Amino acid sequence: MAGAPFGNNNATKSKPWRDMLDRAIKQDDGKRLRAAAEALLNAAAGEYKLEDSQLGAIKELTDRLDGKPHQTLSGPEDRDLIPLSIRIEHVKPDGSVA
């Protein structure tokens, strides 16, 4: 079974940091958020270079607002991974397997 168990209410818990970010964004009509997005787009277009601290702040803001991207796993040449099973045996001092 993947994901949270049935009846899990974690998503409904209070998230004060996210709530404060939302409030700050709404308070200035999203002007600072738009400035951050434009700075990132301009840097990607090669118009200027962002400082590491600016890029880190934009990444942190993005992760807080939209969530971190899901990690995808793949094998060589983007083929699906092969399932792996591991068998652990206890070997007794006399060499027999328990």
N, C-alpha and C. Protein backbone atom coordinates (compact mmCIF):
# COMPACT_ATOMS: atom_id res chain seq x y z
N MET A 1 0.85 -1.18 0.00
CA MET A 1 0.00 0.00 0.00
C MET A 1 0.89 1.24 0.00
N ALA A 2 0.68 2.12 -0.94
CA ALA A 2 1.47 3.33 -1.02
C ALA A 2 0.72 4.49 -0.38
N GLY A 3 1.48 5.46 0.10
CA GLY A 3 0.86 6.65 0.67
C GLY A 3 0.45 6.48 2.12
N ALA A 4 -0.23 7.48 2.61
CA ALA A 4 -0.66 7.49 4.01
C ALA A 4 -1.84 6.55 4.22
N PRO A 5 -1.97 6.03 5.42
CA PRO A 5 -3.10 5.14 5.70
C PRO A 5 -4.43 5.89 5.61
N PHE A 6 -5.49 5.12 5.34
CA PHE A 6 -6.83 5.70 5.25
C PHE A 6 -7.16 6.44 6.55
N GLY A 7 -7.70 7.62 6.44
CA GLY A 7 -8.07 8.40 7.61
C GLY A 7 -6.96 9.31 8.11
N ASN A 8 -5.81 9.33 7.44
CA ASN A 8 -4.69 10.18 7.84
C ASN A 8 -5.08 11.64 7.62
N ASN A 9 -4.89 12.46 8.64
CA ASN A 9 -5.28 13.87 8.58
C ASN A 9 -4.09 14.81 8.56
N ASN A 10 -2.90 14.33 8.15
CA ASN A 10 -1.72 15.19 8.17
C ASN A 10 -1.86 16.43 7.30
N ALA A 11 -2.56 16.31 6.19
CA ALA A 11 -2.71 17.46 5.29
C ALA A 11 -3.57 18.56 5.89
N THR A 12 -4.37 18.25 6.88
CA THR A 12 -5.24 19.26 7.47
C THR A 12 -4.59 19.97 8.65
N LYS A 13 -3.39 19.54 9.03
CA LYS A 13 -2.71 20.16 10.17
C LYS A 13 -2.32 21.59 9.84
N SER A 14 -2.23 22.40 10.85
CA SER A 14 -1.84 23.79 10.69
C SER A 14 -0.41 23.89 10.18
N LYS A 15 -0.18 24.78 9.23
CA LYS A 15 1.14 25.02 8.68
C LYS A 15 1.41 26.51 8.80
N PRO A 16 1.86 26.97 9.98
CA PRO A 16 2.00 28.40 10.21
C PRO A 16 2.99 29.10 9.28
N TRP A 17 4.09 28.44 8.92
CA TRP A 17 5.07 29.07 8.03
C TRP A 17 4.46 29.30 6.65
N ARG A 18 3.79 28.30 6.14
CA ARG A 18 3.13 28.43 4.84
C ARG A 18 2.04 29.50 4.90
N ASP A 19 1.28 29.53 6.00
CA ASP A 19 0.23 30.54 6.15
C ASP A 19 0.81 31.95 6.16
N MET A 20 1.95 32.13 6.82
CA MET A 20 2.58 33.46 6.86
C MET A 20 3.13 33.85 5.49
N LEU A 21 3.69 32.88 4.76
CA LEU A 21 4.16 33.18 3.40
C LEU A 21 2.98 33.61 2.52
N ASP A 22 1.89 32.88 2.60
CA ASP A 22 0.71 33.23 1.82
C ASP A 22 0.23 34.64 2.17
N ARG A 23 0.21 34.95 3.45
CA ARG A 23 -0.24 36.27 3.89
C ARG A 23 0.69 37.37 3.37
N ALA A 24 2.00 37.13 3.44
CA ALA A 24 2.95 38.14 2.96
C ALA A 24 2.83 38.34 1.45
N ILE A 25 2.60 37.27 0.72
CA ILE A 25 2.44 37.37 -0.73
C ILE A 25 1.19 38.16 -1.08
N LYS A 26 0.10 37.89 -0.39
CA LYS A 26 -1.16 38.60 -0.66
C LYS A 26 -1.08 40.06 -0.24
N GLN A 27 -0.31 40.34 0.81
CA GLN A 27 -0.22 41.69 1.34
C GLN A 27 0.35 42.67 0.32
N ASP A 28 1.31 42.23 -0.49
CA ASP A 28 1.87 43.14 -1.50
C ASP A 28 1.41 42.75 -2.92
N ASP A 29 0.27 42.09 -3.00
CA ASP A 29 -0.32 41.67 -4.29
C ASP A 29 0.64 40.82 -5.11
N GLY A 30 1.52 40.08 -4.46
CA GLY A 30 2.42 39.16 -5.15
C GLY A 30 3.58 39.83 -5.87
N LYS A 31 3.83 41.11 -5.60
CA LYS A 31 4.89 41.84 -6.31
C LYS A 31 6.27 41.21 -6.07
N ARG A 32 6.58 40.85 -4.82
CA ARG A 32 7.90 40.26 -4.53
C ARG A 32 8.02 38.86 -5.12
N LEU A 33 6.93 38.12 -5.10
CA LEU A 33 6.95 36.78 -5.71
C LEU A 33 7.18 36.90 -7.21
N ARG A 34 6.51 37.84 -7.82
CA ARG A 34 6.72 38.06 -9.27
C ARG A 34 8.15 38.50 -9.56
N ALA A 35 8.72 39.35 -8.70
CA ALA A 35 10.11 39.79 -8.89
C ALA A 35 11.07 38.61 -8.80
N ALA A 36 10.82 37.70 -7.87
CA ALA A 36 11.66 36.52 -7.74
C ALA A 36 11.54 35.64 -8.99
N ALA A 37 10.32 35.46 -9.48
CA ALA A 37 10.11 34.65 -10.68
C ALA A 37 10.79 35.29 -11.89
N GLU A 38 10.69 36.61 -12.02
CA GLU A 38 11.33 37.29 -13.15
C GLU A 38 12.85 37.23 -13.04
N ALA A 39 13.39 37.34 -11.82
CA ALA A 39 14.83 37.23 -11.65
C ALA A 39 15.32 35.85 -12.06
N LEU A 40 14.57 34.82 -11.70
CA LEU A 40 14.95 33.46 -12.08
C LEU A 40 14.88 33.28 -13.59
N LEU A 41 13.81 33.78 -14.21
CA LEU A 41 13.68 33.67 -15.67
C LEU A 41 14.77 34.45 -16.40
N ASN A 42 15.08 35.64 -15.91
CA ASN A 42 16.13 36.45 -16.53
C ASN A 42 17.49 35.78 -16.41
N ALA A 43 17.75 35.16 -15.27
CA ALA A 43 19.02 34.45 -15.09
C ALA A 43 19.07 33.24 -16.01
N ALA A 44 17.95 32.53 -16.16
CA ALA A 44 17.91 31.37 -17.04
C ALA A 44 18.11 31.79 -18.50
N ALA A 45 17.67 32.97 -18.85
CA ALA A 45 17.83 33.48 -20.22
C ALA A 45 19.23 34.05 -20.45
N GLY A 46 20.04 34.08 -19.41
CA GLY A 46 21.41 34.57 -19.55
C GLY A 46 21.55 36.07 -19.44
N GLU A 47 20.50 36.77 -19.02
CA GLU A 47 20.57 38.22 -18.92
C GLU A 47 21.46 38.67 -17.77
N TYR A 48 21.48 37.93 -16.69
CA TYR A 48 22.42 38.19 -15.60
C TYR A 48 22.52 36.96 -14.72
N LYS A 49 23.52 36.95 -13.85
CA LYS A 49 23.76 35.80 -12.98
C LYS A 49 23.21 36.07 -11.59
N LEU A 50 22.46 35.12 -11.07
CA LEU A 50 21.97 35.22 -9.70
C LEU A 50 23.09 34.85 -8.73
N GLU A 51 23.12 35.52 -7.61
CA GLU A 51 24.03 35.12 -6.54
C GLU A 51 23.53 33.80 -5.97
N ASP A 52 24.44 33.00 -5.40
CA ASP A 52 24.04 31.72 -4.80
C ASP A 52 22.96 31.89 -3.74
N SER A 53 23.08 32.97 -2.94
CA SER A 53 22.08 33.19 -1.88
C SER A 53 20.71 33.51 -2.46
N GLN A 54 20.68 34.24 -3.59
CA GLN A 54 19.40 34.55 -4.24
C GLN A 54 18.78 33.28 -4.81
N LEU A 55 19.58 32.47 -5.47
CA LEU A 55 19.08 31.24 -6.06
C LEU A 55 18.59 30.29 -4.97
N GLY A 56 19.33 30.22 -3.85
CA GLY A 56 18.91 29.38 -2.73
C GLY A 56 17.60 29.86 -2.13
N ALA A 57 17.44 31.17 -2.03
CA ALA A 57 16.20 31.73 -1.47
C ALA A 57 15.01 31.45 -2.39
N ILE A 58 15.23 31.57 -3.70
CA ILE A 58 14.14 31.29 -4.66
C ILE A 58 13.77 29.82 -4.61
N LYS A 59 14.78 28.94 -4.53
CA LYS A 59 14.50 27.50 -4.46
C LYS A 59 13.73 27.16 -3.18
N GLU A 60 14.14 27.73 -2.06
CA GLU A 60 13.45 27.48 -0.80
C GLU A 60 12.01 27.96 -0.85
N LEU A 61 11.80 29.14 -1.40
CA LEU A 61 10.45 29.68 -1.54
C LEU A 61 9.59 28.78 -2.42
N THR A 62 10.16 28.34 -3.53
CA THR A 62 9.43 27.46 -4.44
C THR A 62 9.06 26.15 -3.76
N ASP A 63 10.01 25.57 -3.03
CA ASP A 63 9.74 24.31 -2.33
C ASP A 63 8.66 24.50 -1.28
N ARG A 64 8.64 25.63 -0.60
CA ARG A 64 7.63 25.88 0.43
C ARG A 64 6.25 26.10 -0.17
N LEU A 65 6.19 26.77 -1.31
CA LEU A 65 4.90 27.08 -1.90
C LEU A 65 4.33 25.93 -2.73
N ASP A 66 5.17 25.29 -3.52
CA ASP A 66 4.69 24.24 -4.43
C ASP A 66 5.06 22.84 -3.99
N GLY A 67 5.92 22.71 -2.99
CA GLY A 67 6.39 21.39 -2.58
C GLY A 67 7.59 20.98 -3.42
N LYS A 68 8.39 20.10 -2.87
CA LYS A 68 9.56 19.62 -3.60
C LYS A 68 9.12 18.65 -4.69
N PRO A 69 9.82 18.68 -5.82
CA PRO A 69 9.46 17.74 -6.88
C PRO A 69 9.72 16.31 -6.45
N HIS A 70 8.91 15.38 -6.97
CA HIS A 70 9.09 13.97 -6.66
C HIS A 70 10.34 13.45 -7.37
N GLN A 71 11.09 12.61 -6.69
CA GLN A 71 12.26 12.02 -7.29
C GLN A 71 11.84 10.82 -8.12
N THR A 72 12.36 10.74 -9.33
CA THR A 72 12.06 9.59 -10.18
C THR A 72 13.27 8.68 -10.20
N LEU A 73 13.03 7.41 -10.23
CA LEU A 73 14.10 6.43 -10.28
C LEU A 73 14.03 5.69 -11.60
N SER A 74 15.18 5.49 -12.20
CA SER A 74 15.20 4.70 -13.43
C SER A 74 16.54 3.99 -13.50
N GLY A 75 16.58 2.99 -14.32
CA GLY A 75 17.79 2.20 -14.49
C GLY A 75 18.60 2.69 -15.66
N PRO A 76 19.57 1.88 -16.10
CA PRO A 76 20.38 2.26 -17.25
C PRO A 76 19.51 2.53 -18.47
N GLU A 77 19.85 3.54 -19.20
CA GLU A 77 19.13 3.92 -20.41
C GLU A 77 17.65 4.15 -20.15
N ASP A 78 17.33 4.66 -18.97
CA ASP A 78 15.96 5.00 -18.58
C ASP A 78 14.99 3.82 -18.61
N ARG A 79 15.50 2.60 -18.48
CA ARG A 79 14.60 1.45 -18.35
C ARG A 79 14.17 1.34 -16.91
N ASP A 80 13.06 0.69 -16.70
CA ASP A 80 12.57 0.49 -15.34
C ASP A 80 13.57 -0.32 -14.53
N LEU A 81 13.62 -0.06 -13.25
CA LEU A 81 14.50 -0.81 -12.38
C LEU A 81 14.01 -2.25 -12.23
N ILE A 82 14.93 -3.14 -12.07
CA ILE A 82 14.59 -4.55 -11.88
C ILE A 82 14.37 -4.78 -10.39
N PRO A 83 13.26 -5.43 -10.00
CA PRO A 83 13.02 -5.71 -8.59
C PRO A 83 14.16 -6.56 -8.01
N LEU A 84 14.51 -6.28 -6.79
CA LEU A 84 15.60 -6.99 -6.13
C LEU A 84 15.08 -7.57 -4.83
N SER A 85 15.39 -8.81 -4.59
CA SER A 85 15.04 -9.39 -3.29
C SER A 85 16.33 -9.84 -2.62
N ILE A 86 16.37 -9.67 -1.32
CA ILE A 86 17.55 -10.03 -0.52
C ILE A 86 17.12 -11.08 0.48
N ARG A 87 17.90 -12.14 0.56
CA ARG A 87 17.61 -13.22 1.51
C ARG A 87 18.70 -13.22 2.56
N ILE A 88 18.29 -13.12 3.81
CA ILE A 88 19.24 -13.13 4.92
C ILE A 88 19.07 -14.43 5.68
N GLU A 89 20.16 -15.15 5.83
CA GLU A 89 20.11 -16.43 6.54
C GLU A 89 21.01 -16.34 7.76
N HIS A 90 20.56 -16.97 8.80
CA HIS A 90 21.39 -17.07 10.00
C HIS A 90 22.14 -18.39 9.94
N VAL A 91 23.45 -18.30 9.99
CA VAL A 91 24.29 -19.49 9.95
C VAL A 91 24.75 -19.81 11.36
N LYS A 92 24.46 -21.02 11.79
CA LYS A 92 24.85 -21.48 13.13
C LYS A 92 26.35 -21.76 13.15
N PRO A 93 26.96 -21.78 14.34
CA PRO A 93 28.39 -22.05 14.46
C PRO A 93 28.82 -23.37 13.80
N ASP A 94 27.92 -24.35 13.73
CA ASP A 94 28.30 -25.63 13.12
C ASP A 94 28.18 -25.59 11.59
N GLY A 95 27.78 -24.42 11.03
CA GLY A 95 27.69 -24.27 9.58
C GLY A 95 26.31 -24.51 9.01
N SER A 96 25.38 -24.98 9.82
CA SER A 96 24.03 -25.22 9.31
C SER A 96 23.25 -23.90 9.31
N VAL A 97 22.25 -23.86 8.43
CA VAL A 97 21.44 -22.66 8.27
C VAL A 97 20.19 -22.79 9.13
N ALA A 98 19.90 -21.76 9.88
CA ALA A 98 18.71 -21.79 10.76
C ALA A 98 17.47 -21.45 10.00
